[in-house]
Structure formats: structure tokens, C-alpha cells
Amino acid sequence: MKIVLTTSSTTLDGHLDKRFGRAPGFLIYDTEQQSCEFVDNEQNLNAAQGAGIQAAQNIISTGAKHLITGFCGPKAFKVLQSAGVKIYDTDAVSLKECIERFNSGSLMEINSANAESHWG
């Protein structure tokens, strides 16, 4: 199973970035292989609009069905939800703690967008 975390880190030693569409990148953690792959999101950092939608499409293309982030706008949320990606919010700071909470079932799944368009 693949879990995506919003971050600038290429390893689980980093911190969660609470932005989704304008996060520096995405760390894709494969629970079966216990491996990580970093996907750069630089093209969306300064996008005038559509950063969340493009980021959502990038997440979907990885095959991941779980996203741990902080804030997700309405358009990105709709794209992710339509693709069956579950989105989780957390107050955890470290990526390792995010994974631990995911594995223990203690993350809160969000059921609607929790940021306005063009947040962050």
C-alpha cells in the first residue's frame, strides 16, 4: 500500500508540510517494501491557479490511495475523492509519527475540503 505525505523531505526523517497543492513535494511511502520515493511538486509552488488539481492528479498517478497532509482545498479534494484517495489530517509534525499514527488507525480522515481555494 502506498501512502503520500506532503513534505520537502526525501526520507521519513523530515517534517510534514501542511499545504497540499503548494507543498514542495510528496514522499510516497510503500508499506510493503518499507521504501520511500520523493516526487517533486516544484511546478505548482508558484502556480497562479490549479496547483491543487495538478497536485491531486500527480498523487493519483502514483497509485496511492492514502494522503496525509494538513489542508486540502475543494477542487483538489473533489479530484482525490473521486479517485478513491482517502485524505487524513494530523497534528503530528514528523513523517515517522504520521506513519505510526496511520498504522495504528489514529489519524482523522477528512470528509470535506478544509481549506479555501488558493490557500497558502
PDB file of N, CA and C in Angstrom:
ATOM      1  N   MET A   1       0.848  -1.172   0.000  1.00  0.00           N
ATOM      2  CA  MET A   1       0.000   0.000   0.000  1.00  0.00           C
ATOM      3  C   MET A   1       0.898   1.242   0.000  1.00  0.00           C
ATOM      4  N   LYS A   2       0.478   2.252  -0.735  1.00  0.00           N
ATOM      5  CA  LYS A   2       1.236   3.494  -0.809  1.00  0.00           C
ATOM      6  C   LYS A   2       0.518   4.605  -0.053  1.00  0.00           C
ATOM      7  N   ILE A   3       1.312   5.335   0.735  1.00  0.00           N
ATOM      8  CA  ILE A   3       0.822   6.478   1.499  1.00  0.00           C
ATOM      9  C   ILE A   3       1.624   7.695   1.048  1.00  0.00           C
ATOM     10  N   VAL A   4       0.949   8.788   0.740  1.00  0.00           N
ATOM     11  CA  VAL A   4       1.629  10.013   0.328  1.00  0.00           C
ATOM     12  C   VAL A   4       1.604  11.015   1.474  1.00  0.00           C
ATOM     13  N   LEU A   5       2.760  11.643   1.713  1.00  0.00           N
ATOM     14  CA  LEU A   5       2.885  12.677   2.736  1.00  0.00           C
ATOM     15  C   LEU A   5       3.395  13.953   2.073  1.00  0.00           C
ATOM     16  N   THR A   6       2.818  15.099   2.429  1.00  0.00           N
ATOM     17  CA  THR A   6       3.271  16.372   1.871  1.00  0.00           C
ATOM     18  C   THR A   6       4.480  16.853   2.662  1.00  0.00           C
ATOM     19  N   THR A   7       5.582  17.137   1.942  1.00  0.00           N
ATOM     20  CA  THR A   7       6.839  17.458   2.623  1.00  0.00           C
ATOM     21  C   THR A   7       7.866  18.014   1.649  1.00  0.00           C
ATOM     22  N   SER A   8       8.987  18.427   2.187  1.00  0.00           N
ATOM     23  CA  SER A   8      10.148  18.775   1.364  1.00  0.00           C
ATOM     24  C   SER A   8      11.250  17.738   1.560  1.00  0.00           C
ATOM     25  N   SER A   9      10.985  16.746   2.387  1.00  0.00           N
ATOM     26  CA  SER A   9      11.985  15.739   2.742  1.00  0.00           C
ATOM     27  C   SER A   9      11.955  14.539   1.794  1.00  0.00           C
ATOM     28  N   THR A  10      13.124  13.965   1.586  1.00  0.00           N
ATOM     29  CA  THR A  10      13.222  12.762   0.751  1.00  0.00           C
ATOM     30  C   THR A  10      13.250  11.494   1.595  1.00  0.00           C
ATOM     31  N   THR A  11      13.162  11.649   2.929  1.00  0.00           N
ATOM     32  CA  THR A  11      13.147  10.496   3.833  1.00  0.00           C
ATOM     33  C   THR A  11      12.087  10.709   4.912  1.00  0.00           C
ATOM     34  N   LEU A  12      11.819   9.667   5.674  1.00  0.00           N
ATOM     35  CA  LEU A  12      10.853   9.764   6.776  1.00  0.00           C
ATOM     36  C   LEU A  12      11.392  10.559   7.959  1.00  0.00           C
ATOM     37  N   ASP A  13      12.627  11.033   7.869  1.00  0.00           N
ATOM     38  CA  ASP A  13      13.207  11.833   8.952  1.00  0.00           C
ATOM     39  C   ASP A  13      12.754  13.286   8.898  1.00  0.00           C
ATOM     40  N   GLY A  14      12.006  13.658   7.870  1.00  0.00           N
ATOM     41  CA  GLY A  14      11.574  15.040   7.694  1.00  0.00           C
ATOM     42  C   GLY A  14      10.277  15.365   8.409  1.00  0.00           C
ATOM     43  N   HIS A  15       9.746  16.533   8.077  1.00  0.00           N
ATOM     44  CA  HIS A  15       8.525  17.049   8.699  1.00  0.00           C
ATOM     45  C   HIS A  15       7.411  17.178   7.666  1.00  0.00           C
ATOM     46  N   LEU A  16       6.184  17.073   8.151  1.00  0.00           N
ATOM     47  CA  LEU A  16       5.004  17.232   7.304  1.00  0.00           C
ATOM     48  C   LEU A  16       4.825  18.704   6.939  1.00  0.00           C
ATOM     49  N   ASP A  17       4.539  18.974   5.692  1.00  0.00           N
ATOM     50  CA  ASP A  17       4.172  20.311   5.236  1.00  0.00           C
ATOM     51  C   ASP A  17       2.648  20.317   5.180  1.00  0.00           C
ATOM     52  N   LYS A  18       2.025  21.248   5.867  1.00  0.00           N
ATOM     53  CA  LYS A  18       0.564  21.251   5.986  1.00  0.00           C
ATOM     54  C   LYS A  18      -0.160  21.688   4.710  1.00  0.00           C
ATOM     55  N   ARG A  19       0.588  22.195   3.717  1.00  0.00           N
ATOM     56  CA  ARG A  19      -0.032  22.599   2.452  1.00  0.00           C
ATOM     57  C   ARG A  19      -0.097  21.386   1.535  1.00  0.00           C
ATOM     58  N   PHE A  20      -1.136  21.291   0.741  1.00  0.00           N
ATOM     59  CA  PHE A  20      -1.207  20.198  -0.222  1.00  0.00           C
ATOM     60  C   PHE A  20      -0.733  20.646  -1.599  1.00  0.00           C
ATOM     61  N   GLY A  21      -1.496  21.470  -2.272  1.00  0.00           N
ATOM     62  CA  GLY A  21      -1.186  21.851  -3.646  1.00  0.00           C
ATOM     63  C   GLY A  21       0.132  22.567  -3.813  1.00  0.00           C
ATOM     64  N   ARG A  22       0.548  23.296  -2.797  1.00  0.00           N
ATOM     65  CA  ARG A  22       1.792  24.055  -2.884  1.00  0.00           C
ATOM     66  C   ARG A  22       2.885  23.501  -1.970  1.00  0.00           C
ATOM     67  N   ALA A  23       2.743  22.263  -1.578  1.00  0.00           N
ATOM     68  CA  ALA A  23       3.825  21.609  -0.826  1.00  0.00           C
ATOM     69  C   ALA A  23       5.030  21.460  -1.753  1.00  0.00           C
ATOM     70  N   PRO A  24       6.242  21.524  -1.217  1.00  0.00           N
ATOM     71  CA  PRO A  24       7.435  21.371  -2.063  1.00  0.00           C
ATOM     72  C   PRO A  24       7.496  20.029  -2.788  1.00  0.00           C
ATOM     73  N   GLY A  25       6.902  19.016  -2.163  1.00  0.00           N
ATOM     74  CA  GLY A  25       6.922  17.702  -2.797  1.00  0.00           C
ATOM     75  C   GLY A  25       6.095  16.702  -2.018  1.00  0.00           C
ATOM     76  N   PHE A  26       6.169  15.466  -2.478  1.00  0.00           N
ATOM     77  CA  PHE A  26       5.398  14.382  -1.874  1.00  0.00           C
ATOM     78  C   PHE A  26       6.319  13.199  -1.630  1.00  0.00           C
ATOM     79  N   LEU A  27       6.279  12.672  -0.428  1.00  0.00           N
ATOM     80  CA  LEU A  27       7.025  11.459  -0.120  1.00  0.00           C
ATOM     81  C   LEU A  27       6.036  10.306  -0.200  1.00  0.00           C
ATOM     82  N   ILE A  28       6.317   9.368  -1.065  1.00  0.00           N
ATOM     83  CA  ILE A  28       5.448   8.204  -1.237  1.00  0.00           C
ATOM     84  C   ILE A  28       6.074   7.057  -0.470  1.00  0.00           C
ATOM     85  N   TYR A  29       5.377   6.619   0.572  1.00  0.00           N
ATOM     86  CA  TYR A  29       5.870   5.534   1.413  1.00  0.00           C
ATOM     87  C   TYR A  29       5.134   4.257   1.036  1.00  0.00           C
ATOM     88  N   ASP A  30       5.889   3.237   0.673  1.00  0.00           N
ATOM     89  CA  ASP A  30       5.338   1.930   0.318  1.00  0.00           C
ATOM     90  C   ASP A  30       5.412   1.048   1.556  1.00  0.00           C
ATOM     91  N   THR A  31       4.260   0.697   2.117  1.00  0.00           N
ATOM     92  CA  THR A  31       4.238  -0.070   3.363  1.00  0.00           C
ATOM     93  C   THR A  31       4.741  -1.494   3.181  1.00  0.00           C
ATOM     94  N   GLU A  32       4.572  -2.056   1.996  1.00  0.00           N
ATOM     95  CA  GLU A  32       5.015  -3.431   1.757  1.00  0.00           C
ATOM     96  C   GLU A  32       6.527  -3.507   1.592  1.00  0.00           C
ATOM     97  N   GLN A  33       7.097  -2.568   0.862  1.00  0.00           N
ATOM     98  CA  GLN A  33       8.543  -2.546   0.624  1.00  0.00           C
ATOM     99  C   GLN A  33       9.291  -1.761   1.701  1.00  0.00           C
ATOM    100  N   GLN A  34       8.544  -1.011   2.522  1.00  0.00           N
ATOM    101  CA  GLN A  34       9.118  -0.096   3.511  1.00  0.00           C
ATOM    102  C   GLN A  34      10.159   0.804   2.849  1.00  0.00           C
ATOM    103  N   SER A  35       9.752   1.378   1.715  1.00  0.00           N
ATOM    104  CA  SER A  35      10.644   2.246   0.955  1.00  0.00           C
ATOM    105  C   SER A  35       9.955   3.574   0.667  1.00  0.00           C
ATOM    106  N   CYS A  36      10.763   4.576   0.333  1.00  0.00           N
ATOM    107  CA  CYS A  36      10.258   5.913   0.050  1.00  0.00           C
ATOM    108  C   CYS A  36      10.703   6.376  -1.327  1.00  0.00           C
ATOM    109  N   GLU A  37       9.841   7.158  -1.950  1.00  0.00           N
ATOM    110  CA  GLU A  37      10.165   7.803  -3.217  1.00  0.00           C
ATOM    111  C   GLU A  37       9.677   9.239  -3.121  1.00  0.00           C
ATOM    112  N   PHE A  38      10.532  10.188  -3.490  1.00  0.00           N
ATOM    113  CA  PHE A  38      10.161  11.598  -3.444  1.00  0.00           C
ATOM    114  C   PHE A  38       9.714  12.058  -4.823  1.00  0.00           C
ATOM    115  N   VAL A  39       8.575  12.757  -4.866  1.00  0.00           N
ATOM    116  CA  VAL A  39       8.068  13.335  -6.108  1.00  0.00           C
ATOM    117  C   VAL A  39       8.039  14.848  -5.922  1.00  0.00           C
ATOM    118  N   ASP A  40       8.787  15.543  -6.747  1.00  0.00           N
ATOM    119  CA  ASP A  40       8.892  16.995  -6.680  1.00  0.00           C
ATOM    120  C   ASP A  40       7.582  17.649  -7.120  1.00  0.00           C
ATOM    121  N   ASN A  41       7.189  18.710  -6.435  1.00  0.00           N
ATOM    122  CA  ASN A  41       5.975  19.455  -6.778  1.00  0.00           C
ATOM    123  C   ASN A  41       6.322  20.902  -7.146  1.00  0.00           C
ATOM    124  N   GLU A  42       7.556  21.126  -7.543  1.00  0.00           N
ATOM    125  CA  GLU A  42       8.040  22.485  -7.801  1.00  0.00           C
ATOM    126  C   GLU A  42       7.200  23.236  -8.830  1.00  0.00           C
ATOM    127  N   GLN A  43       6.689  22.535  -9.827  1.00  0.00           N
ATOM    128  CA  GLN A  43       5.913  23.198 -10.872  1.00  0.00           C
ATOM    129  C   GLN A  43       4.657  23.860 -10.332  1.00  0.00           C
ATOM    130  N   ASN A  44       4.201  23.457  -9.148  1.00  0.00           N
ATOM    131  CA  ASN A  44       2.974  24.022  -8.584  1.00  0.00           C
ATOM    132  C   ASN A  44       3.216  25.071  -7.505  1.00  0.00           C
ATOM    133  N   LEU A  45       4.456  25.251  -7.076  1.00  0.00           N
ATOM    134  CA  LEU A  45       4.725  26.170  -5.968  1.00  0.00           C
ATOM    135  C   LEU A  45       4.287  27.599  -6.261  1.00  0.00           C
ATOM    136  N   ASN A  46       4.471  28.049  -7.468  1.00  0.00           N
ATOM    137  CA  ASN A  46       4.131  29.427  -7.818  1.00  0.00           C
ATOM    138  C   ASN A  46       3.015  29.523  -8.853  1.00  0.00           C
ATOM    139  N   ALA A  47       2.268  28.459  -9.015  1.00  0.00           N
ATOM    140  CA  ALA A  47       1.174  28.468  -9.994  1.00  0.00           C
ATOM    141  C   ALA A  47       0.114  29.488  -9.584  1.00  0.00           C
ATOM    142  N   ALA A  48      -0.370  30.248 -10.552  1.00  0.00           N
ATOM    143  CA  ALA A  48      -1.402  31.246 -10.266  1.00  0.00           C
ATOM    144  C   ALA A  48      -2.702  30.579  -9.832  1.00  0.00           C
ATOM    145  N   GLN A  49      -2.990  29.435 -10.428  1.00  0.00           N
ATOM    146  CA  GLN A  49      -4.187  28.674 -10.067  1.00  0.00           C
ATOM    147  C   GLN A  49      -4.007  27.234 -10.515  1.00  0.00           C
ATOM    148  N   GLY A  50      -4.821  26.357  -9.979  1.00  0.00           N
ATOM    149  CA  GLY A  50      -4.789  24.959 -10.397  1.00  0.00           C
ATOM    150  C   GLY A  50      -3.733  24.103  -9.732  1.00  0.00           C
ATOM    151  N   ALA A  51      -3.018  24.651  -8.742  1.00  0.00           N
ATOM    152  CA  ALA A  51      -1.955  23.886  -8.088  1.00  0.00           C
ATOM    153  C   ALA A  51      -2.512  22.641  -7.405  1.00  0.00           C
ATOM    154  N   GLY A  52      -3.635  22.776  -6.729  1.00  0.00           N
ATOM    155  CA  GLY A  52      -4.225  21.641  -6.022  1.00  0.00           C
ATOM    156  C   GLY A  52      -4.704  20.553  -6.959  1.00  0.00           C
ATOM    157  N   ILE A  53      -5.327  20.947  -8.049  1.00  0.00           N
ATOM    158  CA  ILE A  53      -5.821  19.967  -9.016  1.00  0.00           C
ATOM    159  C   ILE A  53      -4.655  19.212  -9.650  1.00  0.00           C
ATOM    160  N   GLN A  54      -3.616  19.948 -10.054  1.00  0.00           N
ATOM    161  CA  GLN A  54      -2.451  19.302 -10.664  1.00  0.00           C
ATOM    162  C   GLN A  54      -1.760  18.378  -9.663  1.00  0.00           C
ATOM    163  N   ALA A  55      -1.621  18.834  -8.420  1.00  0.00           N
ATOM    164  CA  ALA A  55      -1.007  18.001  -7.388  1.00  0.00           C
ATOM    165  C   ALA A  55      -1.844  16.743  -7.159  1.00  0.00           C
ATOM    166  N   ALA A  56      -3.166  16.889  -7.150  1.00  0.00           N
ATOM    167  CA  ALA A  56      -4.050  15.734  -6.967  1.00  0.00           C
ATOM    168  C   ALA A  56      -3.870  14.725  -8.093  1.00  0.00           C
ATOM    169  N   GLN A  57      -3.773  15.213  -9.313  1.00  0.00           N
ATOM    170  CA  GLN A  57      -3.564  14.315 -10.451  1.00  0.00           C
ATOM    171  C   GLN A  57      -2.219  13.599 -10.344  1.00  0.00           C
ATOM    172  N   ASN A  58      -1.205  14.313  -9.851  1.00  0.00           N
ATOM    173  CA  ASN A  58       0.102  13.680  -9.646  1.00  0.00           C
ATOM    174  C   ASN A  58       0.024  12.575  -8.595  1.00  0.00           C
ATOM    175  N   ILE A  59      -0.735  12.807  -7.534  1.00  0.00           N
ATOM    176  CA  ILE A  59      -0.904  11.796  -6.478  1.00  0.00           C
ATOM    177  C   ILE A  59      -1.622  10.577  -7.053  1.00  0.00           C
ATOM    178  N   ILE A  60      -2.676  10.803  -7.786  1.00  0.00           N
ATOM    179  CA  ILE A  60      -3.449   9.703  -8.369  1.00  0.00           C
ATOM    180  C   ILE A  60      -2.573   8.854  -9.284  1.00  0.00           C
ATOM    181  N   SER A  61      -1.697   9.502 -10.040  1.00  0.00           N
ATOM    182  CA  SER A  61      -0.843   8.762 -10.981  1.00  0.00           C
ATOM    183  C   SER A  61       0.151   7.836 -10.281  1.00  0.00           C
ATOM    184  N   THR A  62       0.396   8.055  -8.983  1.00  0.00           N
ATOM    185  CA  THR A  62       1.307   7.172  -8.240  1.00  0.00           C
ATOM    186  C   THR A  62       0.630   5.871  -7.825  1.00  0.00           C
ATOM    187  N   GLY A  63      -0.702   5.855  -7.856  1.00  0.00           N
ATOM    188  CA  GLY A  63      -1.439   4.678  -7.415  1.00  0.00           C
ATOM    189  C   GLY A  63      -1.716   4.664  -5.921  1.00  0.00           C
ATOM    190  N   ALA A  64      -1.303   5.704  -5.224  1.00  0.00           N
ATOM    191  CA  ALA A  64      -1.538   5.782  -3.776  1.00  0.00           C
ATOM    192  C   ALA A  64      -3.021   6.000  -3.496  1.00  0.00           C
ATOM    193  N   LYS A  65      -3.496   5.429  -2.402  1.00  0.00           N
ATOM    194  CA  LYS A  65      -4.895   5.589  -2.007  1.00  0.00           C
ATOM    195  C   LYS A  65      -5.047   6.288  -0.662  1.00  0.00           C
ATOM    196  N   HIS A  66      -3.921   6.782  -0.113  1.00  0.00           N
ATOM    197  CA  HIS A  66      -3.949   7.463   1.180  1.00  0.00           C
ATOM    198  C   HIS A  66      -3.035   8.676   1.115  1.00  0.00           C
ATOM    199  N   LEU A  67      -3.523   9.820   1.593  1.00  0.00           N
ATOM    200  CA  LEU A  67      -2.767  11.063   1.608  1.00  0.00           C
ATOM    201  C   LEU A  67      -2.811  11.649   3.008  1.00  0.00           C
ATOM    202  N   ILE A  68      -1.637  11.952   3.555  1.00  0.00           N
ATOM    203  CA  ILE A  68      -1.550  12.624   4.851  1.00  0.00           C
ATOM    204  C   ILE A  68      -1.029  14.030   4.585  1.00  0.00           C
ATOM    205  N   THR A  69      -1.837  15.022   4.950  1.00  0.00           N
ATOM    206  CA  THR A  69      -1.500  16.421   4.708  1.00  0.00           C
ATOM    207  C   THR A  69      -2.145  17.260   5.796  1.00  0.00           C
ATOM    208  N   GLY A  70      -2.160  18.550   5.615  1.00  0.00           N
ATOM    209  CA  GLY A  70      -2.814  19.417   6.579  1.00  0.00           C
ATOM    210  C   GLY A  70      -4.073  20.021   6.000  1.00  0.00           C
ATOM    211  N   PHE A  71      -3.907  20.727   4.883  1.00  0.00           N
ATOM    212  CA  PHE A  71      -5.021  21.459   4.303  1.00  0.00           C
ATOM    213  C   PHE A  71      -5.198  21.091   2.842  1.00  0.00           C
ATOM    214  N   CYS A  72      -6.441  20.825   2.470  1.00  0.00           N
ATOM    215  CA  CYS A  72      -6.763  20.429   1.098  1.00  0.00           C
ATOM    216  C   CYS A  72      -7.973  21.244   0.647  1.00  0.00           C
ATOM    217  N   GLY A  73      -7.816  21.965  -0.452  1.00  0.00           N
ATOM    218  CA  GLY A  73      -8.889  22.811  -0.971  1.00  0.00           C
ATOM    219  C   GLY A  73      -9.986  22.013  -1.655  1.00  0.00           C
ATOM    220  N   PRO A  74     -11.091  22.670  -1.978  1.00  0.00           N
ATOM    221  CA  PRO A  74     -12.268  21.979  -2.508  1.00  0.00           C
ATOM    222  C   PRO A  74     -12.067  21.290  -3.854  1.00  0.00           C
ATOM    223  N   LYS A  75     -11.346  21.912  -4.768  1.00  0.00           N
ATOM    224  CA  LYS A  75     -11.167  21.298  -6.090  1.00  0.00           C
ATOM    225  C   LYS A  75     -10.265  20.073  -6.001  1.00  0.00           C
ATOM    226  N   ALA A  76      -9.157  20.211  -5.285  1.00  0.00           N
ATOM    227  CA  ALA A  76      -8.246  19.073  -5.114  1.00  0.00           C
ATOM    228  C   ALA A  76      -8.943  17.951  -4.352  1.00  0.00           C
ATOM    229  N   PHE A  77      -9.704  18.314  -3.324  1.00  0.00           N
ATOM    230  CA  PHE A  77     -10.415  17.308  -2.535  1.00  0.00           C
ATOM    231  C   PHE A  77     -11.353  16.502  -3.427  1.00  0.00           C
ATOM    232  N   LYS A  78     -12.078  17.186  -4.287  1.00  0.00           N
ATOM    233  CA  LYS A  78     -13.036  16.511  -5.165  1.00  0.00           C
ATOM    234  C   LYS A  78     -12.322  15.553  -6.118  1.00  0.00           C
ATOM    235  N   VAL A  79     -11.203  15.989  -6.693  1.00  0.00           N
ATOM    236  CA  VAL A  79     -10.440  15.135  -7.608  1.00  0.00           C
ATOM    237  C   VAL A  79      -9.931  13.895  -6.874  1.00  0.00           C
ATOM    238  N   LEU A  80      -9.357  14.099  -5.690  1.00  0.00           N
ATOM    239  CA  LEU A  80      -8.822  12.975  -4.911  1.00  0.00           C
ATOM    240  C   LEU A  80      -9.934  12.025  -4.478  1.00  0.00           C
ATOM    241  N   GLN A  81     -11.026  12.580  -3.976  1.00  0.00           N
ATOM    242  CA  GLN A  81     -12.145  11.759  -3.512  1.00  0.00           C
ATOM    243  C   GLN A  81     -12.727  10.938  -4.661  1.00  0.00           C
ATOM    244  N   SER A  82     -12.848  11.537  -5.828  1.00  0.00           N
ATOM    245  CA  SER A  82     -13.379  10.830  -6.998  1.00  0.00           C
ATOM    246  C   SER A  82     -12.505   9.649  -7.394  1.00  0.00           C
ATOM    247  N   ALA A  83     -11.211   9.750  -7.104  1.00  0.00           N
ATOM    248  CA  ALA A  83     -10.268   8.679  -7.439  1.00  0.00           C
ATOM    249  C   ALA A  83     -10.119   7.663  -6.304  1.00  0.00           C
ATOM    250  N   GLY A  84     -10.872   7.855  -5.223  1.00  0.00           N
ATOM    251  CA  GLY A  84     -10.817   6.910  -4.113  1.00  0.00           C
ATOM    252  C   GLY A  84      -9.646   7.101  -3.171  1.00  0.00           C
ATOM    253  N   VAL A  85      -9.036   8.291  -3.197  1.00  0.00           N
ATOM    254  CA  VAL A  85      -7.920   8.580  -2.292  1.00  0.00           C
ATOM    255  C   VAL A  85      -8.489   9.107  -0.981  1.00  0.00           C
ATOM    256  N   LYS A  86      -8.120   8.475   0.123  1.00  0.00           N
ATOM    257  CA  LYS A  86      -8.544   8.927   1.448  1.00  0.00           C
ATOM    258  C   LYS A  86      -7.541   9.963   1.941  1.00  0.00           C
ATOM    259  N   ILE A  87      -8.052  11.033   2.536  1.00  0.00           N
ATOM    260  CA  ILE A  87      -7.218  12.148   2.973  1.00  0.00           C
ATOM    261  C   ILE A  87      -7.285  12.242   4.494  1.00  0.00           C
ATOM    262  N   TYR A  88      -6.106  12.377   5.098  1.00  0.00           N
ATOM    263  CA  TYR A  88      -6.011  12.417   6.555  1.00  0.00           C
ATOM    264  C   TYR A  88      -5.336  13.700   7.003  1.00  0.00           C
ATOM    265  N   ASP A  89      -5.842  14.254   8.092  1.00  0.00           N
ATOM    266  CA  ASP A  89      -5.246  15.417   8.737  1.00  0.00           C
ATOM    267  C   ASP A  89      -4.613  14.931  10.037  1.00  0.00           C
ATOM    268  N   THR A  90      -3.595  15.621  10.472  1.00  0.00           N
ATOM    269  CA  THR A  90      -2.933  15.233  11.709  1.00  0.00           C
ATOM    270  C   THR A  90      -2.234  16.428  12.322  1.00  0.00           C
ATOM    271  N   ASP A  91      -2.021  16.368  13.623  1.00  0.00           N
ATOM    272  CA  ASP A  91      -1.203  17.386  14.277  1.00  0.00           C
ATOM    273  C   ASP A  91       0.232  16.889  14.455  1.00  0.00           C
ATOM    274  N   ALA A  92       0.509  15.701  13.953  1.00  0.00           N
ATOM    275  CA  ALA A  92       1.874  15.164  14.013  1.00  0.00           C
ATOM    276  C   ALA A  92       2.782  16.042  13.158  1.00  0.00           C
ATOM    277  N   VAL A  93       4.002  16.213  13.608  1.00  0.00           N
ATOM    278  CA  VAL A  93       4.957  17.036  12.882  1.00  0.00           C
ATOM    279  C   VAL A  93       5.896  16.169  12.054  1.00  0.00           C
ATOM    280  N   SER A  94       6.400  15.104  12.635  1.00  0.00           N
ATOM    281  CA  SER A  94       7.366  14.267  11.918  1.00  0.00           C
ATOM    282  C   SER A  94       6.661  13.273  10.997  1.00  0.00           C
ATOM    283  N   LEU A  95       7.318  12.962   9.894  1.00  0.00           N
ATOM    284  CA  LEU A  95       6.753  11.997   8.952  1.00  0.00           C
ATOM    285  C   LEU A  95       6.670  10.609   9.580  1.00  0.00           C
ATOM    286  N   LYS A  96       7.668  10.258  10.385  1.00  0.00           N
ATOM    287  CA  LYS A  96       7.639   8.954  11.063  1.00  0.00           C
ATOM    288  C   LYS A  96       6.414   8.838  11.957  1.00  0.00           C
ATOM    289  N   GLU A  97       6.122   9.911  12.688  1.00  0.00           N
ATOM    290  CA  GLU A  97       4.952   9.892  13.568  1.00  0.00           C
ATOM    291  C   GLU A  97       3.664   9.787  12.750  1.00  0.00           C
ATOM    292  N   CYS A  98       3.623  10.440  11.607  1.00  0.00           N
ATOM    293  CA  CYS A  98       2.449  10.337  10.726  1.00  0.00           C
ATOM    294  C   CYS A  98       2.208   8.884  10.326  1.00  0.00           C
ATOM    295  N   ILE A  99       3.273   8.191   9.932  1.00  0.00           N
ATOM    296  CA  ILE A  99       3.157   6.782   9.531  1.00  0.00           C
ATOM    297  C   ILE A  99       2.743   5.922  10.717  1.00  0.00           C
ATOM    298  N   GLU A 100       3.328   6.177  11.888  1.00  0.00           N
ATOM    299  CA  GLU A 100       2.957   5.417  13.087  1.00  0.00           C
ATOM    300  C   GLU A 100       1.476   5.596  13.401  1.00  0.00           C
ATOM    301  N   ARG A 101       0.994   6.815  13.321  1.00  0.00           N
ATOM    302  CA  ARG A 101      -0.426   7.079  13.594  1.00  0.00           C
ATOM    303  C   ARG A 101      -1.319   6.445  12.531  1.00  0.00           C
ATOM    304  N   PHE A 102      -0.878   6.477  11.276  1.00  0.00           N
ATOM    305  CA  PHE A 102      -1.642   5.820  10.217  1.00  0.00           C
ATOM    306  C   PHE A 102      -1.754   4.330  10.520  1.00  0.00           C
ATOM    307  N   ASN A 103      -0.632   3.703  10.833  1.00  0.00           N
ATOM    308  CA  ASN A 103      -0.612   2.262  11.110  1.00  0.00           C
ATOM    309  C   ASN A 103      -1.459   1.887  12.320  1.00  0.00           C
ATOM    310  N   SER A 104      -1.554   2.786  13.298  1.00  0.00           N
ATOM    311  CA  SER A 104      -2.344   2.494  14.500  1.00  0.00           C
ATOM    312  C   SER A 104      -3.823   2.852  14.318  1.00  0.00           C
ATOM    313  N   GLY A 105      -4.156   3.480  13.195  1.00  0.00           N
ATOM    314  CA  GLY A 105      -5.547   3.850  12.941  1.00  0.00           C
ATOM    315  C   GLY A 105      -5.995   5.098  13.673  1.00  0.00           C
ATOM    316  N   SER A 106      -5.051   5.906  14.141  1.00  0.00           N
ATOM    317  CA  SER A 106      -5.432   7.074  14.936  1.00  0.00           C
ATOM    318  C   SER A 106      -5.463   8.390  14.156  1.00  0.00           C
ATOM    319  N   LEU A 107      -5.270   8.334  12.843  1.00  0.00           N
ATOM    320  CA  LEU A 107      -5.389   9.557  12.050  1.00  0.00           C
ATOM    321  C   LEU A 107      -6.853   9.857  11.754  1.00  0.00           C
ATOM    322  N   MET A 108      -7.165  11.135  11.641  1.00  0.00           N
ATOM    323  CA  MET A 108      -8.529  11.551  11.352  1.00  0.00           C
ATOM    324  C   MET A 108      -8.693  11.722   9.838  1.00  0.00           C
ATOM    325  N   GLU A 109      -9.589  10.924   9.248  1.00  0.00           N
ATOM    326  CA  GLU A 109      -9.891  11.094   7.827  1.00  0.00           C
ATOM    327  C   GLU A 109     -10.785  12.311   7.671  1.00  0.00           C
ATOM    328  N   ILE A 110     -10.457  13.159   6.708  1.00  0.00           N
ATOM    329  CA  ILE A 110     -11.314  14.321   6.479  1.00  0.00           C
ATOM    330  C   ILE A 110     -12.318  13.983   5.383  1.00  0.00           C
ATOM    331  N   ASN A 111     -13.532  14.451   5.568  1.00  0.00           N
ATOM    332  CA  ASN A 111     -14.621  14.118   4.656  1.00  0.00           C
ATOM    333  C   ASN A 111     -15.060  15.286   3.795  1.00  0.00           C
ATOM    334  N   SER A 112     -14.382  16.419   3.936  1.00  0.00           N
ATOM    335  CA  SER A 112     -14.663  17.581   3.097  1.00  0.00           C
ATOM    336  C   SER A 112     -13.414  18.456   3.073  1.00  0.00           C
ATOM    337  N   ALA A 113     -13.358  19.343   2.101  1.00  0.00           N
ATOM    338  CA  ALA A 113     -12.211  20.249   2.000  1.00  0.00           C
ATOM    339  C   ALA A 113     -12.082  21.039   3.296  1.00  0.00           C
ATOM    340  N   ASN A 114     -10.848  21.259   3.724  1.00  0.00           N
ATOM    341  CA  ASN A 114     -10.634  22.011   4.961  1.00  0.00           C
ATOM    342  C   ASN A 114      -9.784  23.257   4.718  1.00  0.00           C
ATOM    343  N   ALA A 115      -9.723  23.693   3.456  1.00  0.00           N
ATOM    344  CA  ALA A 115      -9.037  24.939   3.098  1.00  0.00           C
ATOM    345  C   ALA A 115      -9.797  25.579   1.945  1.00  0.00           C
ATOM    346  N   GLU A 116      -9.736  26.889   1.890  1.00  0.00           N
ATOM    347  CA  GLU A 116     -10.359  27.594   0.774  1.00  0.00           C
ATOM    348  C   GLU A 116      -9.449  27.509  -0.438  1.00  0.00           C
ATOM    349  N   SER A 117      -9.979  27.791  -1.593  1.00  0.00           N
ATOM    350  CA  SER A 117      -9.168  27.826  -2.810  1.00  0.00           C
ATOM    351  C   SER A 117      -8.040  28.831  -2.646  1.00  0.00           C
ATOM    352  N   HIS A 118      -6.896  28.516  -3.217  1.00  0.00           N
ATOM    353  CA  HIS A 118      -5.706  29.378  -3.205  1.00  0.00           C
ATOM    354  C   HIS A 118      -5.171  29.611  -1.807  1.00  0.00           C
ATOM    355  N   TRP A 119      -5.325  28.642  -0.894  1.00  0.00           N
ATOM    356  CA  TRP A 119      -4.775  28.757   0.453  1.00  0.00           C
ATOM    357  C   TRP A 119      -3.274  28.616   0.390  1.00  0.00           C
ATOM    358  N   GLY A 120      -2.550  29.317   1.252  1.00  0.00           N
ATOM    359  CA  GLY A 120      -1.129  29.124   1.469  1.00  0.00           C
ATOM    360  C   GLY A 120      -0.257  29.672   0.447  1.00  0.00           C
TER     361      GLY A 120
END
